[in-house]
């Protein structure tokens, strides 16, 4: 499991998360992403992205007053990596 701090990306954190999932994670690898939830729509967008990429959402938690964490796993479907 790797941890990625996307707080410096602000409202672009979701794009950063997508790039990491598609390019840096290997099959069945879990990751934790932390980002600033400037508004709740970013939390929903992060969960939607995980679903869109056919990955498994493990957890979604408020970390502190501003930051949010998403834990996810890049899955295999029918023996093939999905992304």
Protein backbone atom coordinates (compact mmCIF):
# COMPACT_ATOMS: atom_id res chain seq x y z
CA UNK A 1 0.00 0.00 0.00
CA UNK A 2 1.30 3.40 -0.96
CA UNK A 3 0.24 6.83 0.23
CA UNK A 4 -0.08 9.82 -2.08
CA UNK A 5 -0.38 13.37 -0.77
CA UNK A 6 -2.35 15.42 -3.29
CA UNK A 7 -3.05 18.41 -1.03
CA UNK A 8 -0.83 20.75 -3.02
CA UNK A 9 -2.94 20.11 -6.15
CA UNK A 10 -6.03 21.72 -4.52
CA UNK A 11 -8.97 21.45 -6.95
CA UNK A 12 -6.84 19.41 -9.42
CA UNK A 13 -6.41 16.54 -6.95
CA UNK A 14 -8.91 14.33 -8.76
CA UNK A 15 -6.93 14.54 -12.02
CA UNK A 16 -3.76 13.74 -10.08
CA UNK A 17 -5.47 10.75 -8.51
CA UNK A 18 -6.60 9.50 -11.92
CA UNK A 19 -3.09 9.77 -13.35
CA UNK A 20 -1.61 7.81 -10.45
CA UNK A 21 -4.24 5.06 -10.61
CA UNK A 22 -3.84 4.64 -14.36
CA UNK A 23 -0.04 4.88 -14.55
CA UNK A 24 1.59 4.12 -11.21
CA UNK A 25 -0.44 1.43 -9.46
CA UNK A 26 -0.06 -2.25 -10.30
CA UNK A 27 -2.90 -4.76 -10.25
CA UNK A 28 -4.35 -5.43 -6.80
CA UNK A 29 -2.24 -2.67 -5.27
CA UNK A 30 -3.93 -0.55 -2.62
CA UNK A 31 -3.36 3.18 -2.26
CA UNK A 32 -4.30 5.95 0.11
CA UNK A 33 -4.86 9.42 -1.32
CA UNK A 34 -5.06 12.51 0.87
CA UNK A 35 -6.42 15.75 -0.57
CA UNK A 36 -8.04 18.99 0.51
CA UNK A 37 -11.81 18.69 0.46
CA UNK A 38 -12.34 22.36 -0.34
CA UNK A 39 -15.97 21.50 -0.92
CA UNK A 40 -17.76 18.18 -0.59
CA UNK A 41 -18.07 17.79 -4.36
CA UNK A 42 -14.40 16.74 -4.48
CA UNK A 43 -15.16 13.88 -2.10
CA UNK A 44 -17.97 12.67 -4.33
CA UNK A 45 -15.82 13.10 -7.46
CA UNK A 46 -13.04 11.00 -5.92
CA UNK A 47 -15.49 8.17 -5.12
CA UNK A 48 -16.98 8.45 -8.62
CA UNK A 49 -13.50 8.24 -10.15
CA UNK A 50 -12.69 5.06 -8.25
CA UNK A 51 -15.94 3.51 -9.48
CA UNK A 52 -15.40 4.80 -13.05
CA UNK A 53 -11.99 3.11 -13.17
CA UNK A 54 -13.54 -0.14 -11.86
CA UNK A 55 -11.43 -0.02 -8.73
CA UNK A 56 -12.52 -0.97 -5.23
CA UNK A 57 -13.23 1.83 -2.76
CA UNK A 58 -11.96 0.62 0.61
CA UNK A 59 -12.57 3.70 2.72
CA UNK A 60 -13.40 7.39 2.53
CA UNK A 61 -12.74 9.39 5.69
CA UNK A 62 -12.47 12.95 6.88
CA UNK A 63 -8.87 13.27 8.07
CA UNK A 64 -9.11 16.66 9.80
CA UNK A 65 -11.01 19.91 9.29
CA UNK A 66 -9.92 20.27 5.65
CA UNK A 67 -8.29 17.07 4.48
CA UNK A 68 -9.95 13.88 3.24
CA UNK A 69 -8.53 10.41 2.63
CA UNK A 70 -9.61 7.81 0.10
CA UNK A 71 -8.34 4.24 0.31
CA UNK A 72 -8.77 2.13 -2.82
CA UNK A 73 -7.48 -0.96 -4.59
CA UNK A 74 -6.79 -1.38 -8.30
CA UNK A 75 -8.74 -4.53 -9.15
CA UNK A 76 -8.64 -7.28 -11.70
CA UNK A 77 -11.79 -8.19 -13.58
CA UNK A 78 -11.80 -11.50 -15.49
CA UNK A 79 -8.02 -11.74 -15.11
CA UNK A 80 -7.34 -8.36 -16.69
CA UNK A 81 -6.31 -5.11 -15.08
CA UNK A 82 -9.07 -2.56 -15.41
CA UNK A 83 -8.15 1.01 -16.30
